[in-house]
Amino acid sequence: MATRLLSWLQPMSPPTAAVATRLSPTTFRAALGMFATGVTVVTARAANGQLVGLTANSFNSVSLDPPLVLWSLSGRSASLAVLRAGTHYAINVLAADQLEVAQRFAAPMRDRWAGVAWQPGQAGAPLIEGAAARFECFNRSRYVEGDHVIFVGQVEHCDHRAGAAPLLFHGGRYYTEHEVRGRPSGP
């Protein structure tokens, strides 16, 4: 089906070079912070059985057929080697009542998993209990771009907690949702 949907695409012309600018990293980061996101904890199990987990808000859907998602990780992350080499990982979309979990996995800690309720997914990646949604992914592809690695995962299993309010991140702070009244529409 995906081939049929994309059959109208013509080969893309080669990209031209970006204009060289002296963009301030502080300004760029502050501007990015104005985009509100959900909060996830990406989890995996190393070959030696060690659990790995980190907070990430760079999560997006890519495709429905096949079901693909993406997220990115700094090339300097201590967890990069495990996540790059592993066959599976899980993306746990945190609920509003999981602020402590988000903070725990965002900070350097000796044992991030202490006191965190989880269960192994079908391929072994940890699934955090109480998450608003959980995606178990095959580690389909990885791309180095700039100072990050972009991971594309093929979703093999997913579930969600109906009615769970999401944990949101905006401007360096955590929030939860409040409905904006108006005409229904979507992106």
N, C-alpha and C. Protein backbone atom coordinates (compact mmCIF):
# COMPACT_ATOMS: atom_id res chain seq x y z
N MET A 1 0.81 -1.19 0.00
CA MET A 1 0.00 0.00 0.00
C MET A 1 0.86 1.26 0.00
N ALA A 2 1.95 1.27 0.79
CA ALA A 2 2.82 2.44 0.86
C ALA A 2 3.40 2.76 -0.50
N THR A 3 3.76 1.74 -1.28
CA THR A 3 4.31 1.97 -2.61
C THR A 3 3.29 2.64 -3.50
N ARG A 4 2.03 2.20 -3.44
CA ARG A 4 0.98 2.80 -4.24
C ARG A 4 0.77 4.26 -3.86
N LEU A 5 0.79 4.56 -2.57
CA LEU A 5 0.58 5.93 -2.11
C LEU A 5 1.69 6.87 -2.55
N LEU A 6 2.90 6.36 -2.66
CA LEU A 6 4.04 7.21 -2.98
C LEU A 6 4.45 7.12 -4.44
N SER A 7 3.69 6.41 -5.28
CA SER A 7 4.08 6.21 -6.67
C SER A 7 4.11 7.50 -7.47
N TRP A 8 3.41 8.53 -7.04
CA TRP A 8 3.36 9.80 -7.76
C TRP A 8 4.61 10.64 -7.54
N LEU A 9 5.43 10.29 -6.55
CA LEU A 9 6.62 11.08 -6.27
C LEU A 9 7.63 10.96 -7.39
N GLN A 10 8.21 12.06 -7.75
CA GLN A 10 9.29 12.08 -8.73
C GLN A 10 10.61 12.10 -7.96
N PRO A 11 11.69 11.68 -8.61
CA PRO A 11 12.98 11.76 -7.92
C PRO A 11 13.22 13.20 -7.46
N MET A 12 13.76 13.32 -6.29
CA MET A 12 14.00 14.64 -5.72
C MET A 12 15.28 15.23 -6.30
N SER A 13 15.27 16.54 -6.49
CA SER A 13 16.49 17.19 -6.96
C SER A 13 17.48 17.27 -5.81
N PRO A 14 18.76 17.27 -6.13
CA PRO A 14 19.75 17.32 -5.06
C PRO A 14 19.61 18.62 -4.27
N PRO A 15 19.82 18.54 -2.96
CA PRO A 15 19.69 19.74 -2.15
C PRO A 15 20.82 20.71 -2.43
N THR A 16 20.50 21.97 -2.29
CA THR A 16 21.54 22.98 -2.39
C THR A 16 22.10 23.19 -0.99
N ALA A 17 23.23 23.78 -0.88
CA ALA A 17 23.87 24.00 0.42
C ALA A 17 23.10 25.07 1.19
N ALA A 18 23.04 24.89 2.49
CA ALA A 18 22.41 25.89 3.35
C ALA A 18 23.29 27.13 3.39
N VAL A 19 22.66 28.26 3.59
CA VAL A 19 23.41 29.50 3.71
C VAL A 19 24.14 29.49 5.05
N ALA A 20 25.42 29.74 5.02
CA ALA A 20 26.22 29.76 6.25
C ALA A 20 25.79 30.95 7.11
N THR A 21 25.42 30.67 8.36
CA THR A 21 25.04 31.73 9.28
C THR A 21 25.75 31.55 10.60
N ARG A 22 25.74 32.57 11.38
CA ARG A 22 26.30 32.50 12.73
C ARG A 22 25.12 32.48 13.70
N LEU A 23 24.39 31.37 13.67
CA LEU A 23 23.22 31.20 14.52
C LEU A 23 23.67 30.90 15.94
N SER A 24 23.19 31.68 16.88
CA SER A 24 23.55 31.48 18.28
C SER A 24 22.90 30.20 18.79
N PRO A 25 23.68 29.28 19.37
CA PRO A 25 23.09 28.06 19.93
C PRO A 25 22.06 28.37 21.02
N THR A 26 22.28 29.41 21.80
CA THR A 26 21.33 29.79 22.85
C THR A 26 20.01 30.24 22.25
N THR A 27 20.08 31.07 21.22
CA THR A 27 18.86 31.53 20.54
C THR A 27 18.13 30.38 19.87
N PHE A 28 18.88 29.50 19.21
CA PHE A 28 18.28 28.35 18.54
C PHE A 28 17.58 27.45 19.55
N ARG A 29 18.24 27.16 20.66
CA ARG A 29 17.64 26.30 21.69
C ARG A 29 16.39 26.93 22.28
N ALA A 30 16.44 28.25 22.54
CA ALA A 30 15.27 28.95 23.10
C ALA A 30 14.10 28.92 22.12
N ALA A 31 14.39 29.09 20.83
CA ALA A 31 13.32 29.05 19.82
C ALA A 31 12.72 27.65 19.74
N LEU A 32 13.55 26.61 19.79
CA LEU A 32 13.05 25.24 19.78
C LEU A 32 12.17 24.97 21.00
N GLY A 33 12.51 25.57 22.13
CA GLY A 33 11.74 25.38 23.36
C GLY A 33 10.33 25.90 23.28
N MET A 34 10.03 26.71 22.29
CA MET A 34 8.68 27.24 22.12
C MET A 34 7.74 26.22 21.46
N PHE A 35 8.29 25.12 20.99
CA PHE A 35 7.48 24.05 20.43
C PHE A 35 7.14 23.09 21.56
N ALA A 36 5.88 23.03 21.95
CA ALA A 36 5.46 22.13 23.02
C ALA A 36 5.49 20.68 22.52
N THR A 37 5.99 19.80 23.36
CA THR A 37 6.07 18.38 22.99
C THR A 37 5.55 17.52 24.12
N GLY A 38 5.32 16.27 23.81
CA GLY A 38 5.09 15.28 24.83
C GLY A 38 6.44 14.89 25.42
N VAL A 39 6.41 14.07 26.45
CA VAL A 39 7.64 13.61 27.10
C VAL A 39 7.65 12.09 27.06
N THR A 40 8.76 11.53 26.62
CA THR A 40 8.89 10.08 26.56
C THR A 40 10.11 9.63 27.35
N VAL A 41 10.10 8.37 27.72
CA VAL A 41 11.30 7.70 28.22
C VAL A 41 11.56 6.55 27.26
N VAL A 42 12.71 6.60 26.60
CA VAL A 42 13.12 5.54 25.69
C VAL A 42 13.90 4.52 26.52
N THR A 43 13.53 3.26 26.39
CA THR A 43 14.13 2.20 27.21
C THR A 43 14.62 1.05 26.34
N ALA A 44 15.64 0.38 26.85
CA ALA A 44 16.18 -0.80 26.16
C ALA A 44 16.89 -1.67 27.19
N ARG A 45 17.23 -2.85 26.75
CA ARG A 45 18.00 -3.78 27.58
C ARG A 45 19.28 -4.10 26.80
N ALA A 46 20.42 -3.87 27.44
CA ALA A 46 21.72 -4.16 26.82
C ALA A 46 21.90 -5.67 26.68
N ALA A 47 22.86 -6.07 25.88
CA ALA A 47 23.14 -7.50 25.68
C ALA A 47 23.47 -8.19 27.00
N ASN A 48 24.06 -7.47 27.96
CA ASN A 48 24.40 -8.06 29.25
C ASN A 48 23.24 -8.00 30.24
N GLY A 49 22.06 -7.54 29.79
CA GLY A 49 20.88 -7.47 30.64
C GLY A 49 20.67 -6.15 31.34
N GLN A 50 21.66 -5.26 31.31
CA GLN A 50 21.53 -3.95 31.94
C GLN A 50 20.39 -3.15 31.31
N LEU A 51 19.58 -2.49 32.17
CA LEU A 51 18.50 -1.64 31.69
C LEU A 51 19.02 -0.25 31.38
N VAL A 52 18.55 0.30 30.26
CA VAL A 52 18.93 1.64 29.83
C VAL A 52 17.64 2.43 29.66
N GLY A 53 17.66 3.70 30.06
CA GLY A 53 16.50 4.55 29.87
C GLY A 53 16.89 6.01 29.90
N LEU A 54 16.23 6.82 29.09
CA LEU A 54 16.51 8.25 29.05
C LEU A 54 15.26 9.01 28.63
N THR A 55 15.13 10.22 29.15
CA THR A 55 14.01 11.08 28.79
C THR A 55 14.29 11.72 27.44
N ALA A 56 13.27 11.73 26.57
CA ALA A 56 13.41 12.34 25.25
C ALA A 56 12.09 13.01 24.87
N ASN A 57 12.18 14.15 24.21
CA ASN A 57 10.96 14.77 23.70
C ASN A 57 11.02 14.90 22.17
N SER A 58 12.03 14.29 21.57
CA SER A 58 12.17 14.33 20.11
C SER A 58 11.53 13.08 19.50
N PHE A 59 10.24 12.94 19.66
CA PHE A 59 9.51 11.75 19.21
C PHE A 59 8.44 12.17 18.19
N ASN A 60 8.35 11.43 17.10
CA ASN A 60 7.36 11.72 16.05
C ASN A 60 6.89 10.45 15.38
N SER A 61 5.69 10.51 14.84
CA SER A 61 5.24 9.44 13.96
C SER A 61 5.83 9.69 12.58
N VAL A 62 6.07 8.61 11.84
CA VAL A 62 6.64 8.71 10.50
C VAL A 62 5.67 8.14 9.47
N SER A 63 5.11 6.96 9.75
CA SER A 63 4.31 6.25 8.76
C SER A 63 3.30 5.35 9.47
N LEU A 64 2.15 5.19 8.84
CA LEU A 64 1.16 4.23 9.33
C LEU A 64 1.35 2.85 8.70
N ASP A 65 1.88 2.83 7.48
CA ASP A 65 2.03 1.58 6.75
C ASP A 65 3.38 1.55 6.04
N PRO A 66 4.42 0.95 6.61
CA PRO A 66 4.44 0.25 7.89
C PRO A 66 4.41 1.25 9.05
N PRO A 67 4.07 0.77 10.26
CA PRO A 67 4.02 1.68 11.40
C PRO A 67 5.43 2.06 11.86
N LEU A 68 5.81 3.32 11.63
CA LEU A 68 7.16 3.79 11.96
C LEU A 68 7.09 5.04 12.84
N VAL A 69 8.03 5.13 13.77
CA VAL A 69 8.20 6.31 14.60
C VAL A 69 9.68 6.68 14.58
N LEU A 70 9.98 7.92 14.99
CA LEU A 70 11.38 8.32 15.10
C LEU A 70 11.62 9.11 16.37
N TRP A 71 12.86 9.13 16.78
CA TRP A 71 13.31 9.95 17.91
C TRP A 71 14.80 10.16 17.71
N SER A 72 15.39 11.12 18.45
CA SER A 72 16.81 11.37 18.27
C SER A 72 17.53 11.44 19.61
N LEU A 73 18.83 11.22 19.55
CA LEU A 73 19.67 11.14 20.75
C LEU A 73 21.01 11.81 20.46
N SER A 74 21.50 12.55 21.41
CA SER A 74 22.80 13.20 21.28
C SER A 74 23.89 12.16 21.04
N GLY A 75 24.81 12.49 20.16
CA GLY A 75 25.94 11.61 19.89
C GLY A 75 26.87 11.47 21.08
N ARG A 76 26.70 12.30 22.10
CA ARG A 76 27.53 12.23 23.31
C ARG A 76 26.86 11.43 24.43
N SER A 77 25.67 10.91 24.20
CA SER A 77 24.93 10.19 25.24
C SER A 77 25.66 8.91 25.66
N ALA A 78 25.68 8.67 26.96
CA ALA A 78 26.28 7.44 27.49
C ALA A 78 25.49 6.21 27.06
N SER A 79 24.23 6.38 26.70
CA SER A 79 23.37 5.25 26.30
C SER A 79 23.45 4.95 24.81
N LEU A 80 24.15 5.76 24.05
CA LEU A 80 24.14 5.62 22.59
C LEU A 80 24.60 4.25 22.12
N ALA A 81 25.67 3.73 22.67
CA ALA A 81 26.19 2.44 22.20
C ALA A 81 25.17 1.32 22.35
N VAL A 82 24.48 1.28 23.49
CA VAL A 82 23.47 0.23 23.72
C VAL A 82 22.31 0.40 22.75
N LEU A 83 21.83 1.63 22.58
CA LEU A 83 20.67 1.86 21.72
C LEU A 83 21.01 1.67 20.25
N ARG A 84 22.21 2.00 19.85
CA ARG A 84 22.62 1.83 18.46
C ARG A 84 22.78 0.35 18.11
N ALA A 85 23.29 -0.44 19.06
CA ALA A 85 23.57 -1.86 18.79
C ALA A 85 22.37 -2.77 18.99
N GLY A 86 21.41 -2.36 19.81
CA GLY A 86 20.30 -3.24 20.15
C GLY A 86 19.31 -3.42 19.02
N THR A 87 18.57 -4.52 19.08
CA THR A 87 17.57 -4.80 18.05
C THR A 87 16.22 -4.17 18.36
N HIS A 88 15.95 -3.89 19.65
CA HIS A 88 14.64 -3.37 20.05
C HIS A 88 14.78 -2.32 21.15
N TYR A 89 13.82 -1.43 21.19
CA TYR A 89 13.69 -0.47 22.27
C TYR A 89 12.21 -0.17 22.45
N ALA A 90 11.88 0.50 23.55
CA ALA A 90 10.49 0.90 23.78
C ALA A 90 10.45 2.41 23.98
N ILE A 91 9.38 3.01 23.53
CA ILE A 91 9.14 4.43 23.75
C ILE A 91 7.91 4.52 24.64
N ASN A 92 8.11 5.03 25.84
CA ASN A 92 7.06 5.16 26.85
C ASN A 92 6.62 6.62 26.88
N VAL A 93 5.41 6.92 26.42
CA VAL A 93 4.89 8.29 26.44
C VAL A 93 4.33 8.53 27.84
N LEU A 94 4.92 9.48 28.55
CA LEU A 94 4.56 9.67 29.94
C LEU A 94 3.24 10.40 30.13
N ALA A 95 2.54 10.01 31.18
CA ALA A 95 1.28 10.64 31.57
C ALA A 95 1.60 11.79 32.53
N ALA A 96 0.62 12.68 32.72
CA ALA A 96 0.80 13.87 33.55
C ALA A 96 1.24 13.54 34.97
N ASP A 97 0.85 12.38 35.48
CA ASP A 97 1.21 12.01 36.85
C ASP A 97 2.59 11.34 36.94
N GLN A 98 3.39 11.42 35.86
CA GLN A 98 4.70 10.78 35.84
C GLN A 98 5.86 11.78 35.75
N LEU A 99 5.66 12.97 36.29
CA LEU A 99 6.70 13.99 36.29
C LEU A 99 7.98 13.47 36.94
N GLU A 100 7.87 12.78 38.06
CA GLU A 100 9.05 12.26 38.76
C GLU A 100 9.81 11.27 37.87
N VAL A 101 9.10 10.47 37.09
CA VAL A 101 9.76 9.52 36.18
C VAL A 101 10.53 10.30 35.11
N ALA A 102 9.92 11.34 34.56
CA ALA A 102 10.59 12.16 33.54
C ALA A 102 11.87 12.76 34.10
N GLN A 103 11.80 13.33 35.28
CA GLN A 103 12.96 13.96 35.89
C GLN A 103 14.03 12.93 36.25
N ARG A 104 13.63 11.78 36.72
CA ARG A 104 14.57 10.72 37.09
C ARG A 104 15.40 10.28 35.88
N PHE A 105 14.75 10.10 34.72
CA PHE A 105 15.46 9.62 33.55
C PHE A 105 16.15 10.74 32.78
N ALA A 106 15.91 12.00 33.15
CA ALA A 106 16.58 13.13 32.50
C ALA A 106 17.88 13.49 33.21
N ALA A 107 18.01 13.11 34.48
CA ALA A 107 19.17 13.51 35.27
C ALA A 107 20.17 12.36 35.38
N PRO A 108 21.44 12.72 35.50
CA PRO A 108 22.43 11.65 35.74
C PRO A 108 22.20 11.06 37.13
N MET A 109 21.96 9.77 37.19
CA MET A 109 21.73 9.07 38.45
C MET A 109 22.43 7.73 38.40
N ARG A 110 22.79 7.25 39.54
CA ARG A 110 23.45 5.94 39.62
C ARG A 110 22.48 4.83 39.21
N ASP A 111 21.26 4.85 39.75
CA ASP A 111 20.26 3.82 39.40
C ASP A 111 18.94 4.48 39.07
N ARG A 112 18.74 4.81 37.81
CA ARG A 112 17.51 5.45 37.36
C ARG A 112 16.29 4.57 37.57
N TRP A 113 16.50 3.28 37.63
CA TRP A 113 15.38 2.33 37.68
C TRP A 113 14.87 2.07 39.10
N ALA A 114 15.58 2.54 40.13
CA ALA A 114 15.16 2.30 41.52
C ALA A 114 13.77 2.87 41.75
N GLY A 115 12.84 2.01 42.15
CA GLY A 115 11.49 2.44 42.46
C GLY A 115 10.58 2.65 41.25
N VAL A 116 11.05 2.41 40.04
CA VAL A 116 10.24 2.57 38.83
C VAL A 116 9.59 1.24 38.49
N ALA A 117 8.26 1.22 38.45
CA ALA A 117 7.54 -0.01 38.11
C ALA A 117 7.59 -0.22 36.60
N TRP A 118 8.01 -1.40 36.19
CA TRP A 118 8.09 -1.71 34.76
C TRP A 118 7.92 -3.22 34.57
N GLN A 119 7.70 -3.58 33.32
CA GLN A 119 7.62 -4.99 32.95
C GLN A 119 8.32 -5.15 31.61
N PRO A 120 8.87 -6.33 31.33
CA PRO A 120 9.54 -6.51 30.04
C PRO A 120 8.51 -6.60 28.91
N GLY A 121 8.83 -5.93 27.81
CA GLY A 121 8.00 -6.04 26.61
C GLY A 121 8.26 -7.36 25.92
N GLN A 122 7.59 -7.58 24.81
CA GLN A 122 7.70 -8.86 24.11
C GLN A 122 9.11 -9.15 23.60
N ALA A 123 9.89 -8.10 23.30
CA ALA A 123 11.28 -8.30 22.86
C ALA A 123 12.27 -7.97 23.98
N GLY A 124 11.76 -7.72 25.19
CA GLY A 124 12.63 -7.50 26.34
C GLY A 124 12.82 -6.07 26.77
N ALA A 125 12.48 -5.09 25.95
CA ALA A 125 12.66 -3.69 26.34
C ALA A 125 11.70 -3.36 27.48
N PRO A 126 12.15 -2.59 28.48
CA PRO A 126 11.29 -2.25 29.62
C PRO A 126 10.12 -1.36 29.24
N LEU A 127 8.93 -1.73 29.71
CA LEU A 127 7.72 -0.93 29.52
C LEU A 127 7.35 -0.34 30.88
N ILE A 128 7.30 0.98 30.96
CA ILE A 128 7.03 1.66 32.23
C ILE A 128 5.54 1.63 32.51
N GLU A 129 5.20 1.15 33.69
CA GLU A 129 3.80 1.06 34.09
C GLU A 129 3.21 2.45 34.28
N GLY A 130 1.95 2.61 33.89
CA GLY A 130 1.25 3.88 34.04
C GLY A 130 1.47 4.86 32.92
N ALA A 131 2.29 4.51 31.93
CA ALA A 131 2.53 5.41 30.80
C ALA A 131 1.24 5.62 30.02
N ALA A 132 1.12 6.79 29.40
CA ALA A 132 -0.06 7.09 28.59
C ALA A 132 -0.11 6.20 27.35
N ALA A 133 1.06 5.90 26.78
CA ALA A 133 1.17 5.00 25.63
C ALA A 133 2.55 4.38 25.64
N ARG A 134 2.65 3.19 25.03
CA ARG A 134 3.93 2.49 24.95
C ARG A 134 4.06 1.86 23.57
N PHE A 135 5.23 2.07 22.97
CA PHE A 135 5.51 1.55 21.64
C PHE A 135 6.74 0.65 21.73
N GLU A 136 6.59 -0.61 21.35
CA GLU A 136 7.71 -1.54 21.30
C GLU A 136 8.20 -1.57 19.85
N CYS A 137 9.47 -1.22 19.67
CA CYS A 137 9.98 -0.99 18.32
C CYS A 137 11.18 -1.86 17.97
N PHE A 138 11.19 -2.33 16.73
CA PHE A 138 12.37 -2.92 16.12
C PHE A 138 13.25 -1.75 15.69
N ASN A 139 14.53 -1.82 16.00
CA ASN A 139 15.49 -0.75 15.70
C ASN A 139 15.82 -0.79 14.20
N ARG A 140 14.93 -0.25 13.38
CA ARG A 140 14.99 -0.39 11.93
C ARG A 140 16.16 0.33 11.28
N SER A 141 16.39 1.59 11.64
CA SER A 141 17.49 2.33 11.02
C SER A 141 17.95 3.47 11.92
N ARG A 142 19.18 3.90 11.66
CA ARG A 142 19.80 4.98 12.41
C ARG A 142 20.53 5.88 11.43
N TYR A 143 20.42 7.20 11.63
CA TYR A 143 21.06 8.17 10.76
C TYR A 143 21.79 9.21 11.60
N VAL A 144 23.04 9.45 11.29
CA VAL A 144 23.77 10.51 11.97
C VAL A 144 23.48 11.81 11.24
N GLU A 145 22.99 12.80 11.97
CA GLU A 145 22.74 14.14 11.43
C GLU A 145 23.21 15.15 12.46
N GLY A 146 24.16 15.98 12.07
CA GLY A 146 24.69 16.97 13.01
C GLY A 146 25.28 16.28 14.22
N ASP A 147 24.89 16.74 15.41
CA ASP A 147 25.44 16.15 16.64
C ASP A 147 24.51 15.11 17.26
N HIS A 148 23.53 14.62 16.49
CA HIS A 148 22.57 13.63 16.99
C HIS A 148 22.49 12.41 16.08
N VAL A 149 21.93 11.34 16.62
CA VAL A 149 21.59 10.15 15.83
C VAL A 149 20.07 10.06 15.82
N ILE A 150 19.50 9.94 14.63
CA ILE A 150 18.05 9.79 14.47
C ILE A 150 17.76 8.29 14.36
N PHE A 151 16.89 7.82 15.24
CA PHE A 151 16.48 6.42 15.26
C PHE A 151 15.09 6.30 14.64
N VAL A 152 14.94 5.38 13.71
CA VAL A 152 13.62 5.07 13.16
C VAL A 152 13.27 3.66 13.63
N GLY A 153 12.13 3.55 14.31
CA GLY A 153 11.70 2.26 14.83
C GLY A 153 10.44 1.77 14.15
N GLN A 154 10.40 0.49 13.84
CA GLN A 154 9.18 -0.11 13.32
C GLN A 154 8.41 -0.67 14.51
N VAL A 155 7.20 -0.17 14.70
CA VAL A 155 6.40 -0.54 15.87
C VAL A 155 5.86 -1.95 15.67
N GLU A 156 6.21 -2.83 16.62
CA GLU A 156 5.73 -4.21 16.59
C GLU A 156 4.53 -4.40 17.51
N HIS A 157 4.47 -3.64 18.59
CA HIS A 157 3.36 -3.69 19.54
C HIS A 157 3.19 -2.30 20.14
N CYS A 158 1.97 -1.95 20.47
CA CYS A 158 1.73 -0.71 21.19
C CYS A 158 0.46 -0.85 22.01
N ASP A 159 0.37 -0.01 23.05
CA ASP A 159 -0.86 0.07 23.84
C ASP A 159 -0.98 1.49 24.37
N HIS A 160 -2.14 1.82 24.90
CA HIS A 160 -2.33 3.14 25.49
C HIS A 160 -3.32 3.06 26.63
N ARG A 161 -3.25 4.05 27.50
CA ARG A 161 -4.14 4.14 28.64
C ARG A 161 -5.20 5.17 28.30
N ALA A 162 -6.38 4.71 27.93
CA ALA A 162 -7.47 5.61 27.51
C ALA A 162 -7.75 6.64 28.60
N GLY A 163 -7.86 7.89 28.18
CA GLY A 163 -8.19 8.97 29.09
C GLY A 163 -7.03 9.54 29.87
N ALA A 164 -5.83 8.99 29.69
CA ALA A 164 -4.66 9.50 30.42
C ALA A 164 -4.28 10.88 29.90
N ALA A 165 -4.08 11.83 30.80
CA ALA A 165 -3.60 13.16 30.41
C ALA A 165 -2.10 13.07 30.16
N PRO A 166 -1.60 13.71 29.11
CA PRO A 166 -0.18 13.62 28.80
C PRO A 166 0.66 14.58 29.63
N LEU A 167 1.93 14.23 29.80
CA LEU A 167 2.91 15.15 30.36
C LEU A 167 3.49 15.92 29.18
N LEU A 168 3.55 17.24 29.28
CA LEU A 168 4.03 18.10 28.20
C LEU A 168 5.26 18.88 28.64
N PHE A 169 6.06 19.30 27.65
CA PHE A 169 7.27 20.08 27.93
C PHE A 169 7.26 21.28 27.00
N HIS A 170 7.46 22.47 27.57
CA HIS A 170 7.45 23.71 26.78
C HIS A 170 8.29 24.76 27.50
N GLY A 171 9.19 25.38 26.76
CA GLY A 171 9.99 26.46 27.33
C GLY A 171 10.79 26.06 28.56
N GLY A 172 11.24 24.80 28.60
CA GLY A 172 12.05 24.35 29.72
C GLY A 172 11.27 23.96 30.96
N ARG A 173 9.93 23.86 30.83
CA ARG A 173 9.10 23.51 31.99
C ARG A 173 8.10 22.43 31.59
N TYR A 174 7.63 21.69 32.61
CA TYR A 174 6.64 20.64 32.40
C TYR A 174 5.23 21.19 32.62
N TYR A 175 4.29 20.67 31.84
CA TYR A 175 2.89 21.07 31.92
C TYR A 175 2.02 19.84 31.72
N THR A 176 0.72 20.04 31.89
CA THR A 176 -0.26 19.05 31.46
C THR A 176 -1.26 19.79 30.58
N GLU A 177 -2.16 19.07 29.96
CA GLU A 177 -3.05 19.67 28.98
C GLU A 177 -4.22 20.43 29.61
N HIS A 178 -4.67 21.42 28.86
CA HIS A 178 -5.91 22.12 29.14
C HIS A 178 -6.55 22.38 27.79
N GLU A 179 -7.75 21.91 27.60
CA GLU A 179 -8.40 22.04 26.31
C GLU A 179 -8.64 23.50 25.97
N VAL A 180 -8.35 23.84 24.72
CA VAL A 180 -8.64 25.17 24.19
C VAL A 180 -9.97 25.05 23.45
N ARG A 181 -10.95 25.76 23.87
CA ARG A 181 -12.28 25.66 23.25
C ARG A 181 -12.30 26.40 21.92
N GLY A 182 -12.94 25.83 20.97
CA GLY A 182 -13.05 26.43 19.65
C GLY A 182 -13.57 25.39 18.69
N ARG A 183 -13.53 25.75 17.44
CA ARG A 183 -13.97 24.79 16.43
C ARG A 183 -13.00 23.64 16.34
N PRO A 184 -13.53 22.40 16.23
CA PRO A 184 -12.62 21.24 16.10
C PRO A 184 -11.91 21.28 14.76
N SER A 185 -10.63 21.06 14.80
CA SER A 185 -9.84 20.93 13.59
C SER A 185 -8.58 20.17 13.96
N GLY A 186 -7.82 19.81 13.00
CA GLY A 186 -6.62 19.04 13.26
C GLY A 186 -5.48 19.46 12.36
N PRO A 187 -4.28 19.03 12.73
CA PRO A 187 -3.11 19.37 11.88
C PRO A 187 -3.16 18.70 10.54
